[in-house]
Amino acid sequence: MAEQSRAQIIVLKSGETMTYELVQDETIVGRAKTCDIPIESNMVSTRHARILRRGARYFIEDLASTNGTFVDGKRIAELTELKDDERIKLGPFMMRFNLPVVPKERRLAEEHSALPPNLSVCISDDARSSGVVTATLDSTSSRFGILQAKPQEKLKAIIEISQALAGTIELELILPRILESLFRIFPSVDRGVILLKDSATGQMIPRAFRHRDPREDESVVLSRTIVNQVLEKRQGILSADEVGSFNPGESVANFKSRSMMCMPLLGLAGEPIGLIHIDTNRLSGQFSRDDLDLLAAIAGQAALNYETARLFESYVEKQKYDTEMRTAAQVQRALLPATLPQVPGYSFFAAYESAQAVGGDYYDCRVMEGSRVWMAFGDVAGKGVAASLIMSRLSSVVQSTLEFVPDVGEALRRINTQVGSNMIEGRFVTLILASLDLNTHEWTIVSGGHMSPLIRRSNGTIEEISEAVVGLPVGIVDQLEFETVRRVLAPGESVVIYTDGISEAHDSHEALYGLDRLRSVVTRSSPRPDLLGNAIMDDVHRHAAGSPQHDDITLMVFGRGPFP
């Protein structure tokens, strides 16, 4: 079953249902049309209730409504957590709450790491939140602190956290387990939080939080001075409040903790990817310099585990992407003809090599009405996924047009209009359409900005279509007329149509294959399309000599026999 990505509220009214996805952190339900979930009823207050999202958990709160808010038949008076499939009643309206469908293990991890609804973690400029820095530890010299200091305790802590994280490859599970291990290693810890740096914004985002007492819900305020020092200097910091400055009646939300430690999490390249903060309110449980050094060892191992999991996740995503691209390549290959025409007196050859998994080159060749062969040969500007999508659409448009429009000039005009109507800005297609009459041997060709084919005469000389009749590429100008060229193919003549992936193939010194070399191969090779086509491809590969392919390579060769 496919995963339901967001929680939902399903409103039941007169036997019909309406589904609302909870995409925001706060969703207002009420009679006002401006509400996120509007309910038309005088029994419902203007702003009746609100639903809060905190991580993977959802809560509902009544907004002093007249008729109240009920969850599973009980009127709520305070913030109430919602469970999957619970019924909510507002006035005469019934609603059902559905949690996202996610694997149980992942949901438990998200619930564990989510911040409670009344809690926030903020970085404050208030000097009071910094306390008195009593010790610092440079994390740049050693990821694991000073190894000579209490090596037995460090080894024990590293083994414990390694065992706690062993086999864990899900990023959602690692951070809560790190905090669980810290609470076992440091028995006096009251609160712990892990913040990670957002790669896009550079902001520190709370990703996991833990209270020793689950009933606690106060906010955590971190000193900006300490956070900056931890991240910029990559230093662990031990800070403690002066005993005389602590007022037992003052809220812990003011961060008057007895002692705290803050340690950077360093990535594989040594750059800070986040930090661990733990604190205690116990006078007898103040942290020491040895504790700071021990936390450095734990943070080093934790960061390695997290980075390993992150890299593994990237690897899995890459594998998934590669699989999807292989499937896309197979789909794109299926758009190309599986076989070429088998008609008396003629021979056909084609080769296609994309620079990436998918490409923007295109060719097709089909027999129509028993006595006519039409050909299409194109190159989308650029390569990769975007070019392949344009190529796929081009294939469909060409086939549907040529099936009903035998005149290739008119067909190209219509194709240009259709493709250009919603072409991506900056993209275009060079395209050749051609028609071969098997009775008269007349070959009719029209070019939309594509390079001239090479016509190899039976004596080995080469003829090319004048550049004057090569029109603009497809998708640039609407309602464009294209000039048609007609030529009768004589026995022993062959036609070579190619993309610039051949003429612009690079060697290791960035030297181009070039048109002169292509003409030379065409002249001295056999006129038989299969032999000539293979000779061209072999020569291009010899020139490249294993250098990376910069562009898609596509080649079509056909000719009229008999061949000398």
Protein backbone atom coordinates (compact mmCIF):
# COMPACT_ATOMS: atom_id res chain seq x y z
CA MET A 1 0.00 0.00 0.00
CA ALA A 2 1.33 3.44 -0.91
CA GLU A 3 2.31 5.67 1.97
CA GLN A 4 -0.07 8.49 2.92
CA SER A 5 2.39 11.36 3.19
CA ARG A 6 0.36 13.71 5.45
CA ALA A 7 -2.15 13.50 8.25
CA GLN A 8 -5.73 14.14 7.21
CA ILE A 9 -8.98 15.53 8.57
CA ILE A 10 -12.01 13.95 6.93
CA VAL A 11 -15.20 16.02 7.36
CA LEU A 12 -18.49 14.09 7.27
CA LYS A 13 -21.53 16.03 6.06
CA SER A 14 -24.86 14.68 4.80
CA GLY A 15 -23.33 11.33 3.94
CA GLU A 16 -20.51 12.92 1.92
CA THR A 17 -16.88 13.36 2.88
CA MET A 18 -14.29 16.06 2.25
CA THR A 19 -10.62 15.38 2.93
CA TYR A 20 -8.16 18.05 4.09
CA GLU A 21 -4.44 17.34 4.34
CA LEU A 22 -2.72 18.95 7.33
CA VAL A 23 0.17 20.59 5.50
CA GLN A 24 0.76 23.43 7.99
CA ASP A 25 1.99 23.51 11.56
CA GLU A 26 -1.30 25.19 12.54
CA THR A 27 -4.70 24.50 10.97
CA ILE A 28 -7.74 26.56 11.97
CA VAL A 29 -11.23 25.02 11.82
CA GLY A 30 -14.30 27.22 11.98
CA ARG A 31 -17.24 28.93 10.30
CA ALA A 32 -15.19 31.78 8.77
CA LYS A 33 -14.39 31.35 5.10
CA THR A 34 -10.79 32.30 5.86
CA CYS A 35 -10.35 29.21 8.04
CA ASP A 36 -8.12 26.44 6.71
CA ILE A 37 -11.04 24.03 7.15
CA PRO A 38 -14.26 26.07 6.73
CA ILE A 39 -17.51 24.59 8.09
CA GLU A 40 -20.80 26.29 7.20
CA SER A 41 -22.95 26.01 10.30
CA ASN A 42 -24.29 28.44 12.91
CA MET A 43 -23.49 25.78 15.50
CA VAL A 44 -19.78 26.20 14.74
CA SER A 45 -17.89 29.25 16.01
CA THR A 46 -16.06 31.60 13.66
CA ARG A 47 -12.72 30.22 14.81
CA HIS A 48 -13.77 27.07 16.59
CA ALA A 49 -10.60 24.99 17.08
CA ARG A 50 -7.05 24.64 15.89
CA ILE A 51 -4.90 21.61 15.10
CA LEU A 52 -1.17 21.85 15.84
CA ARG A 53 1.55 19.72 14.26
CA ARG A 54 4.68 19.09 16.30
CA GLY A 55 7.02 16.74 14.46
CA ALA A 56 5.07 13.53 13.95
CA ARG A 57 2.48 14.37 16.64
CA TYR A 58 -0.78 16.29 16.26
CA PHE A 59 -2.77 18.19 18.92
CA ILE A 60 -6.18 19.87 18.94
CA GLU A 61 -7.20 22.88 21.01
CA ASP A 62 -10.62 24.47 21.46
CA LEU A 63 -10.58 28.23 20.78
CA ALA A 64 -13.23 29.18 23.39
CA SER A 65 -16.01 28.01 21.08
CA THR A 66 -19.67 28.28 22.09
CA ASN A 67 -20.60 24.63 21.63
CA GLY A 68 -17.27 23.08 22.44
CA THR A 69 -14.92 20.59 20.77
CA PHE A 70 -15.28 16.87 21.43
CA VAL A 71 -12.72 14.10 20.83
CA ASP A 72 -14.16 10.58 20.89
CA GLY A 73 -17.21 11.88 22.73
CA LYS A 74 -15.34 13.83 25.43
CA ARG A 75 -15.32 17.62 25.53
CA ILE A 76 -11.76 18.93 25.69
CA ALA A 77 -10.70 21.82 27.91
CA GLU A 78 -6.98 21.90 27.09
CA LEU A 79 -4.51 20.96 24.39
CA THR A 80 -5.20 17.32 23.53
CA GLU A 81 -3.11 14.96 21.48
CA LEU A 82 -4.90 13.29 18.57
CA LYS A 83 -4.60 9.58 17.87
CA ASP A 84 -5.11 7.82 14.57
CA ASP A 85 -8.77 7.33 13.57
CA GLU A 86 -10.15 9.46 16.42
CA ARG A 87 -13.53 11.19 15.92
CA ILE A 88 -13.79 14.95 16.40
CA LYS A 89 -17.15 16.70 16.81
CA LEU A 90 -17.72 20.42 16.29
CA GLY A 91 -21.39 21.31 16.69
CA PRO A 92 -23.37 18.94 14.45
CA PHE A 93 -20.33 18.14 12.31
CA MET A 94 -18.28 14.99 12.67
CA MET A 95 -14.69 14.72 11.55
CA ARG A 96 -12.18 11.89 11.56
CA PHE A 97 -8.44 12.30 12.10
CA ASN A 98 -6.03 10.01 10.22
CA LEU A 99 -2.30 9.84 10.82
CA PRO A 100 0.08 9.38 7.86
CA VAL A 101 0.63 5.76 6.91
CA VAL A 102 4.35 5.25 7.64
CA PRO A 103 6.37 2.28 8.91
CA LYS A 104 5.85 1.81 12.66
CA GLU A 105 9.56 2.04 13.51
CA ARG A 106 9.94 5.32 11.66
CA ARG A 107 6.83 6.78 13.33
CA LEU A 108 8.11 5.85 16.80
CA ALA A 109 11.41 7.54 16.05
CA GLU A 110 9.70 10.70 14.83
CA GLU A 111 7.42 10.78 17.87
CA HIS A 112 10.39 10.33 20.18
CA SER A 113 12.44 13.08 18.56
CA ALA A 114 9.59 15.53 18.05
CA LEU A 115 9.51 18.57 20.30
CA PRO A 116 6.58 18.64 22.74
CA PRO A 117 3.81 21.07 21.75
CA ASN A 118 4.61 23.68 24.39
CA LEU A 119 8.37 23.50 23.98
CA SER A 120 10.68 25.45 21.76
CA VAL A 121 14.42 25.57 21.28
CA CYS A 122 15.80 28.99 20.51
CA ILE A 123 19.18 30.65 20.33
CA SER A 124 19.20 33.79 22.46
CA ASP A 125 21.40 36.88 22.52
CA ASP A 126 20.66 37.23 26.25
CA ALA A 127 23.96 37.12 28.13
CA ARG A 128 22.22 35.41 31.06
CA SER A 129 21.78 32.27 28.98
CA SER A 130 25.52 31.75 28.64
CA GLY A 131 26.44 31.22 32.30
CA VAL A 132 30.12 31.13 33.21
CA VAL A 133 32.37 29.23 30.79
CA THR A 134 34.56 27.07 33.00
CA ALA A 135 36.33 24.95 30.35
CA THR A 136 36.74 24.58 26.61
CA LEU A 137 38.00 21.72 24.49
CA ASP A 138 39.43 22.03 20.99
CA SER A 139 37.76 19.45 18.75
CA THR A 140 39.95 20.15 15.71
CA SER A 141 43.00 18.31 17.02
CA SER A 142 41.13 15.11 17.71
CA ARG A 143 37.61 14.09 16.91
CA PHE A 144 37.58 11.95 20.08
CA GLY A 145 39.08 14.39 22.56
CA ILE A 146 42.26 13.75 24.55
CA LEU A 147 42.65 10.00 24.33
CA GLN A 148 45.03 9.87 27.30
CA ALA A 149 42.35 11.21 29.66
CA LYS A 150 40.45 8.33 31.27
CA PRO A 151 40.81 6.00 28.26
CA GLN A 152 38.82 3.21 29.94
CA GLU A 153 35.77 5.44 30.41
CA LYS A 154 36.05 6.74 26.86
CA LEU A 155 36.35 3.28 25.42
CA LYS A 156 33.37 2.13 27.44
CA ALA A 157 31.29 5.15 26.28
CA ILE A 158 32.28 4.69 22.64
CA ILE A 159 31.46 0.98 22.79
CA GLU A 160 28.09 1.75 24.41
CA ILE A 161 27.07 4.31 21.83
CA SER A 162 28.38 2.11 19.02
CA GLN A 163 26.27 -0.76 20.29
CA ALA A 164 23.24 1.52 20.66
CA LEU A 165 23.60 2.63 17.05
CA ALA A 166 24.74 -0.70 15.60
CA GLY A 167 22.76 -1.61 12.52
CA THR A 168 20.90 1.70 12.54
CA ILE A 169 20.90 3.24 9.08
CA GLU A 170 17.73 5.34 9.32
CA LEU A 171 18.56 8.97 10.05
CA GLU A 172 15.29 9.35 12.00
CA LEU A 173 16.42 6.75 14.53
CA ILE A 174 20.03 7.75 15.11
CA LEU A 175 19.58 11.10 16.86
CA PRO A 176 17.08 9.90 19.54
CA ARG A 177 19.30 6.90 20.25
CA ILE A 178 22.30 9.19 20.69
CA LEU A 179 20.38 11.11 23.36
CA GLU A 180 19.28 7.88 25.05
CA SER A 181 22.92 6.83 25.29
CA LEU A 182 23.96 10.21 26.72
CA PHE A 183 21.35 9.90 29.48
CA ARG A 184 22.81 6.52 30.44
CA ILE A 185 26.43 7.67 30.29
CA PHE A 186 25.74 10.91 32.23
CA PRO A 187 23.25 10.02 35.00
CA SER A 188 22.84 13.64 36.11
CA VAL A 189 21.63 14.97 32.71
CA ASP A 190 18.15 16.53 32.86
CA ARG A 191 17.77 17.68 29.25
CA GLY A 192 19.46 17.02 25.96
CA VAL A 193 18.96 18.45 22.50
CA ILE A 194 20.67 17.87 19.15
CA LEU A 195 20.67 20.61 16.53
CA LEU A 196 21.77 20.08 12.93
CA LYS A 197 22.77 22.71 10.42
CA ASP A 198 20.36 23.14 7.52
CA SER A 199 22.42 22.79 4.35
CA ALA A 200 20.30 25.35 2.47
CA THR A 201 19.97 28.12 5.06
CA GLY A 202 22.84 27.42 7.43
CA GLN A 203 20.41 27.73 10.36
CA MET A 204 20.61 25.39 13.34
CA ILE A 205 17.47 23.25 13.46
CA PRO A 206 16.43 21.17 16.52
CA ARG A 207 16.21 17.56 15.40
CA ALA A 208 15.99 15.57 18.66
CA PHE A 209 15.07 16.39 22.26
CA ARG A 210 14.85 14.43 25.49
CA HIS A 211 13.79 15.16 29.08
CA ARG A 212 14.70 12.84 31.92
CA ASP A 213 11.29 13.68 33.41
CA PRO A 214 8.69 13.21 30.61
CA ARG A 215 6.33 15.60 32.41
CA GLU A 216 8.66 18.53 31.86
CA ASP A 217 7.74 20.87 29.02
CA GLU A 218 9.83 24.00 29.50
CA SER A 219 11.62 25.62 26.60
CA VAL A 220 15.36 25.47 26.01
CA VAL A 221 17.28 28.67 25.42
CA LEU A 222 20.81 28.39 24.07
CA SER A 223 23.35 31.16 24.17
CA ARG A 224 24.16 32.49 20.72
CA THR A 225 27.66 33.32 21.93
CA ILE A 226 28.25 29.72 22.99
CA VAL A 227 26.67 28.26 19.87
CA ASN A 228 28.81 30.46 17.62
CA GLN A 229 31.96 29.58 19.54
CA VAL A 230 31.17 25.85 19.37
CA LEU A 231 30.56 25.96 15.61
CA GLU A 232 33.10 28.52 14.47
CA LYS A 233 36.00 27.43 16.67
CA ARG A 234 34.88 23.78 16.80
CA GLN A 235 35.25 23.86 20.55
CA GLY A 236 33.40 21.95 23.21
CA ILE A 237 32.25 24.22 26.05
CA LEU A 238 31.52 23.54 29.70
CA SER A 239 29.49 26.25 31.39
CA ALA A 240 28.07 26.57 34.91
CA ASP A 241 25.99 29.14 36.75
CA GLU A 242 27.39 30.73 39.85
CA VAL A 243 25.61 29.19 42.83
CA GLY A 244 24.72 32.57 44.29
CA SER A 245 22.97 33.69 41.13
CA PHE A 246 20.47 30.83 41.10
CA ASN A 247 16.99 31.61 42.36
CA PRO A 248 15.08 28.39 43.17
CA GLY A 249 11.76 30.15 42.49
CA GLU A 250 12.79 31.29 39.02
CA SER A 251 11.50 29.43 35.95
CA VAL A 252 13.90 26.97 34.42
CA ALA A 253 12.84 28.46 31.08
CA ASN A 254 15.31 31.25 31.86
CA PHE A 255 18.03 28.64 31.50
CA LYS A 256 19.42 29.07 35.01
CA SER A 257 20.72 25.54 34.94
CA ARG A 258 23.47 24.44 37.29
CA SER A 259 25.71 23.11 34.53
CA MET A 260 25.72 22.50 30.79
CA MET A 261 27.97 21.10 28.06
CA CYS A 262 27.86 21.89 24.35
CA MET A 263 29.90 19.95 21.79
CA PRO A 264 30.14 20.28 18.00
CA LEU A 265 29.32 17.36 15.72
CA LEU A 266 31.99 17.26 13.04
CA GLY A 267 31.40 15.75 9.61
CA LEU A 268 33.85 13.57 7.72
CA ALA A 269 35.56 16.66 6.29
CA GLY A 270 35.95 18.17 9.76
CA GLU A 271 33.25 20.78 9.23
CA PRO A 272 30.57 21.23 11.94
CA ILE A 273 27.27 19.65 10.93
CA GLY A 274 25.52 20.36 14.24
CA LEU A 275 25.92 20.25 17.99
CA ILE A 276 24.91 18.33 21.11
CA HIS A 277 23.72 20.26 24.16
CA ILE A 278 23.06 18.65 27.55
CA ASP A 279 22.41 20.31 30.88
CA THR A 280 21.57 19.53 34.49
CA ASN A 281 19.81 21.45 37.26
CA ARG A 282 21.36 19.37 40.02
CA LEU A 283 23.92 21.09 42.19
CA SER A 284 25.48 17.74 43.00
CA GLY A 285 25.56 16.71 39.36
CA GLN A 286 27.65 19.50 37.88
CA PHE A 287 29.72 18.49 34.89
CA SER A 288 33.52 18.42 35.08
CA ARG A 289 36.37 18.92 32.64
CA ASP A 290 36.62 15.13 32.37
CA ASP A 291 32.94 14.96 31.44
CA LEU A 292 33.55 17.46 28.66
CA ASP A 293 36.38 15.33 27.33
CA LEU A 294 34.16 12.25 27.54
CA LEU A 295 31.40 14.06 25.63
CA ALA A 296 33.93 14.90 22.90
CA ALA A 297 34.63 11.18 22.41
CA ILE A 298 30.91 10.39 22.32
CA ALA A 299 30.18 13.25 19.91
CA GLY A 300 32.97 12.06 17.61
CA GLN A 301 31.55 8.55 17.42
CA ALA A 302 27.97 9.84 17.12
CA ALA A 303 28.90 12.16 14.27
CA LEU A 304 30.63 9.32 12.43
CA ASN A 305 27.55 7.14 12.80
CA TYR A 306 25.29 9.93 11.63
CA GLU A 307 27.49 10.73 8.62
CA THR A 308 27.70 7.04 7.73
CA ALA A 309 23.91 6.78 7.85
CA ARG A 310 23.56 9.95 5.80
CA LEU A 311 25.99 8.67 3.18
CA PHE A 312 24.19 5.33 3.11
CA GLU A 313 20.89 7.13 2.64
CA SER A 314 22.44 9.09 -0.24
CA TYR A 315 23.75 5.84 -1.67
CA VAL A 316 20.30 4.26 -1.47
CA GLU A 317 18.77 7.30 -3.14
CA LYS A 318 21.45 7.12 -5.84
CA GLN A 319 20.70 3.44 -6.39
CA LYS A 320 17.00 4.24 -6.62
CA TYR A 321 17.74 7.06 -9.06
CA ASP A 322 19.96 4.82 -11.17
CA THR A 323 17.25 2.16 -11.28
CA GLU A 324 14.67 4.74 -12.34
CA MET A 325 17.03 6.08 -15.01
CA ARG A 326 17.64 2.58 -16.35
CA THR A 327 13.89 2.13 -16.57
CA ALA A 328 13.57 5.52 -18.27
CA ALA A 329 16.29 4.48 -20.73
CA GLN A 330 14.36 1.32 -21.54
CA VAL A 331 11.19 3.33 -22.06
CA GLN A 332 13.02 5.75 -24.32
CA ARG A 333 14.60 2.94 -26.30
CA ALA A 334 11.11 1.55 -26.85
CA LEU A 335 10.23 4.82 -28.62
CA LEU A 336 12.87 4.09 -31.24
CA PRO A 337 12.04 1.55 -33.95
CA ALA A 338 12.75 -2.03 -32.92
CA THR A 339 13.35 -2.98 -36.55
CA LEU A 340 14.06 -1.02 -39.71
CA PRO A 341 12.10 -1.43 -42.98
CA GLN A 342 12.73 -4.56 -45.02
CA VAL A 343 11.87 -3.56 -48.59
CA PRO A 344 13.20 -4.88 -51.88
CA GLY A 345 16.10 -2.94 -53.35
CA TYR A 346 16.88 -0.92 -50.21
CA SER A 347 18.93 -1.39 -47.06
CA PHE A 348 18.72 0.50 -43.77
CA PHE A 349 21.06 0.93 -40.78
CA ALA A 350 20.78 2.91 -37.51
CA ALA A 351 22.87 3.37 -34.35
CA TYR A 352 22.08 5.21 -31.14
CA GLU A 353 24.34 5.92 -28.12
CA SER A 354 23.19 8.37 -25.44
CA ALA A 355 25.77 10.34 -23.46
CA GLN A 356 23.74 9.78 -20.27
CA ALA A 357 21.13 7.21 -19.27
CA VAL A 358 18.60 9.04 -21.42
CA GLY A 359 19.19 11.42 -24.27
CA GLY A 360 17.67 13.89 -26.67
CA ASP A 361 18.43 12.30 -30.04
CA TYR A 362 15.61 10.76 -32.03
CA TYR A 363 15.09 8.75 -35.19
CA ASP A 364 12.29 6.76 -36.76
CA CYS A 365 11.78 4.97 -40.05
CA ARG A 366 8.55 3.25 -41.15
CA VAL A 367 6.85 1.83 -44.23
CA MET A 368 3.54 3.49 -45.08
CA GLU A 369 0.95 2.32 -47.58
CA GLY A 370 3.28 -0.36 -48.87
CA SER A 371 5.12 1.90 -51.33
CA ARG A 372 6.41 4.75 -49.22
CA VAL A 373 8.95 4.97 -46.42
CA TRP A 374 9.02 7.99 -44.14
CA MET A 375 11.96 8.94 -41.97
CA ALA A 376 12.38 11.31 -39.04
CA PHE A 377 15.70 12.28 -37.53
CA GLY A 378 16.12 14.86 -34.77
CA ASP A 379 18.31 16.29 -32.05
CA VAL A 380 16.96 18.13 -29.00
CA ALA A 381 19.19 20.94 -27.77
CA GLY A 382 20.99 19.68 -24.67
CA LYS A 383 20.96 16.22 -23.19
CA GLY A 384 19.78 14.33 -20.14
CA VAL A 385 16.31 14.08 -18.61
CA ALA A 386 14.86 17.36 -19.94
CA ALA A 387 16.01 16.57 -23.48
CA SER A 388 14.64 13.03 -23.23
CA LEU A 389 11.20 14.30 -22.20
CA ILE A 390 11.09 16.66 -25.18
CA MET A 391 12.28 13.81 -27.39
CA SER A 392 9.44 11.59 -26.10
CA ARG A 393 6.86 14.22 -26.93
CA LEU A 394 8.48 14.83 -30.32
CA SER A 395 8.23 11.12 -31.13
CA SER A 396 4.50 11.12 -30.44
CA VAL A 397 3.86 14.31 -32.43
CA VAL A 398 5.89 13.09 -35.44
CA GLN A 399 4.15 9.71 -35.59
CA SER A 400 0.64 11.12 -35.28
CA THR A 401 1.35 13.82 -37.88
CA LEU A 402 3.04 11.69 -40.56
CA GLU A 403 0.30 9.07 -40.29
CA PHE A 404 -2.20 11.56 -41.73
CA VAL A 405 -0.01 14.13 -43.54
CA PRO A 406 2.02 12.49 -46.35
CA ASP A 407 3.62 15.77 -47.50
CA VAL A 408 6.74 16.15 -45.34
CA GLY A 409 6.90 19.93 -45.79
CA GLU A 410 3.37 20.39 -44.47
CA ALA A 411 4.04 17.79 -41.77
CA LEU A 412 7.08 19.70 -40.49
CA ARG A 413 5.11 22.95 -40.44
CA ARG A 414 2.43 21.34 -38.26
CA ILE A 415 4.99 19.66 -36.01
CA ASN A 416 6.75 22.99 -35.51
CA THR A 417 3.47 24.58 -34.41
CA GLN A 418 2.59 21.77 -31.99
CA VAL A 419 6.03 21.40 -30.44
CA GLY A 420 6.62 25.15 -30.22
CA SER A 421 3.32 25.83 -28.46
CA ASN A 422 4.71 24.72 -25.09
CA MET A 423 8.44 24.36 -25.66
CA ILE A 424 10.67 24.98 -22.65
CA GLU A 425 12.41 28.34 -22.89
CA GLY A 426 15.88 28.00 -24.38
CA ARG A 427 15.16 24.57 -25.89
CA PHE A 428 14.66 23.71 -29.53
CA VAL A 429 14.86 20.72 -31.86
CA THR A 430 16.69 20.25 -35.14
CA LEU A 431 14.63 17.85 -37.24
CA ILE A 432 14.74 16.20 -40.65
CA LEU A 433 11.65 14.66 -42.22
CA ALA A 434 11.98 12.62 -45.40
CA SER A 435 9.81 10.46 -47.59
CA LEU A 436 11.04 7.78 -50.01
CA ASP A 437 8.81 6.61 -52.88
CA LEU A 438 9.73 2.96 -53.47
CA ASN A 439 8.27 3.01 -56.99
CA THR A 440 9.86 6.18 -58.39
CA HIS A 441 12.87 6.16 -56.00
CA GLU A 442 12.28 9.86 -55.35
CA TRP A 443 13.55 10.99 -51.99
CA THR A 444 11.84 14.10 -50.57
CA ILE A 445 13.48 15.87 -47.63
CA VAL A 446 12.80 18.92 -45.50
CA SER A 447 15.12 20.19 -42.76
CA GLY A 448 14.30 22.19 -39.66
CA GLY A 449 17.76 23.45 -38.76
CA HIS A 450 19.51 20.07 -38.94
CA MET A 451 22.88 19.48 -40.59
CA SER A 452 22.78 18.41 -44.23
CA PRO A 453 22.83 14.65 -44.86
CA LEU A 454 25.78 13.26 -46.82
CA ILE A 455 24.74 11.57 -50.07
CA ARG A 456 27.39 9.12 -51.24
CA ARG A 457 27.27 8.64 -54.98
CA SER A 458 28.16 5.26 -56.49
CA ASN A 459 31.61 6.60 -57.49
CA GLY A 460 32.43 7.63 -53.90
CA THR A 461 31.94 11.38 -54.26
CA ILE A 462 29.74 13.21 -51.78
CA GLU A 463 26.79 15.51 -52.38
CA GLU A 464 25.24 17.72 -49.70
CA ILE A 465 22.03 19.69 -49.57
CA SER A 466 22.50 23.43 -49.86
CA GLU A 467 22.56 25.33 -46.58
CA ALA A 468 20.11 27.77 -48.16
CA VAL A 469 17.25 25.27 -47.83
CA VAL A 470 18.00 24.35 -44.22
CA GLY A 471 15.32 26.15 -42.20
CA LEU A 472 15.18 27.22 -38.56
CA PRO A 473 15.04 24.62 -35.80
CA VAL A 474 11.66 23.44 -34.60
CA GLY A 475 10.11 25.24 -31.63
CA ILE A 476 11.57 28.72 -32.19
CA VAL A 477 9.18 30.51 -34.58
CA ASP A 478 5.51 29.64 -35.00
CA GLN A 479 3.79 29.34 -38.41
CA LEU A 480 7.08 28.77 -40.21
CA GLU A 481 7.29 27.49 -43.79
CA PHE A 482 10.01 24.97 -44.73
CA GLU A 483 11.55 24.40 -48.17
CA THR A 484 11.34 20.90 -49.62
CA VAL A 485 14.10 19.23 -51.68
CA ARG A 486 13.50 16.28 -54.04
CA ARG A 487 16.09 13.95 -55.50
CA VAL A 488 15.95 10.56 -57.21
CA LEU A 489 18.32 8.03 -55.64
CA ALA A 490 20.37 6.11 -58.17
CA PRO A 491 21.50 2.50 -57.71
CA GLY A 492 24.56 2.27 -55.47
CA GLU A 493 23.86 5.57 -53.68
CA SER A 494 23.65 5.85 -49.91
CA VAL A 495 22.52 8.62 -47.55
CA VAL A 496 24.15 9.36 -44.18
CA ILE A 497 22.16 11.33 -41.57
CA TYR A 498 23.93 12.10 -38.27
CA THR A 499 23.77 14.25 -35.14
CA ASP A 500 26.52 16.54 -33.90
CA GLY A 501 27.48 13.91 -31.35
CA ILE A 502 29.48 12.39 -34.23
CA SER A 503 31.00 15.48 -35.80
CA GLU A 504 31.80 16.98 -32.37
CA ALA A 505 33.11 13.86 -30.66
CA HIS A 506 36.20 14.73 -28.54
CA ASP A 507 39.45 12.91 -28.05
CA SER A 508 41.57 13.14 -24.88
CA HIS A 509 43.02 16.47 -26.12
CA GLU A 510 39.54 17.95 -26.78
CA ALA A 511 40.11 17.75 -30.56
CA LEU A 512 36.89 17.36 -32.56
CA TYR A 513 36.19 14.48 -34.90
CA GLY A 514 35.04 16.98 -37.54
CA LEU A 515 33.14 16.89 -40.82
CA ASP A 516 36.25 16.42 -42.97
CA ARG A 517 37.09 13.14 -41.27
CA LEU A 518 33.46 12.03 -41.53
CA ARG A 519 33.39 12.79 -45.27
CA SER A 520 36.66 10.90 -45.69
CA VAL A 521 35.27 7.78 -44.01
CA VAL A 522 32.09 7.95 -46.11
CA THR A 523 34.10 8.29 -49.32
CA ARG A 524 36.52 5.42 -48.77
CA SER A 525 34.11 2.96 -47.12
CA SER A 526 31.71 0.50 -48.72
CA PRO A 527 28.41 2.07 -49.88
CA ARG A 528 26.43 -0.75 -48.25
CA PRO A 529 24.50 0.94 -45.38
CA ASP A 530 25.42 -1.66 -42.74
CA LEU A 531 29.13 -1.64 -43.60
CA LEU A 532 29.22 2.15 -44.00
CA GLY A 533 27.36 2.76 -40.73
CA ASN A 534 29.63 0.45 -38.74
CA ALA A 535 32.73 2.00 -40.33
CA ILE A 536 31.62 5.46 -39.19
CA MET A 537 30.84 4.34 -35.65
CA ASP A 538 34.14 2.46 -35.35
CA ASP A 539 36.10 5.48 -36.57
CA VAL A 540 34.34 7.82 -34.12
CA HIS A 541 35.18 5.44 -31.25
CA ARG A 542 38.81 5.24 -32.39
CA HIS A 543 39.01 9.03 -32.36
CA ALA A 544 37.48 9.28 -28.88
CA ALA A 545 39.79 6.53 -27.60
CA GLY A 546 37.78 6.08 -24.42
CA SER A 547 37.31 9.78 -23.66
CA PRO A 548 34.00 10.69 -21.99
CA GLN A 549 31.12 11.05 -24.44
CA HIS A 550 29.99 14.69 -24.45
CA ASP A 551 26.81 14.35 -26.50
CA ASP A 552 24.35 11.77 -27.79
CA ILE A 553 25.48 9.94 -30.92
CA THR A 554 22.88 8.91 -33.48
CA LEU A 555 23.40 7.73 -37.05
CA MET A 556 21.10 6.57 -39.84
CA VAL A 557 22.32 5.21 -43.17
CA PHE A 558 20.15 3.92 -46.01
CA GLY A 559 20.78 3.24 -49.66
CA ARG A 560 19.49 1.84 -52.93
CA GLY A 561 21.04 -1.33 -54.25
CA PRO A 562 22.68 -2.97 -55.93
CA PHE A 563 25.92 -1.78 -54.38
CA PRO A 564 29.31 -2.15 -56.05
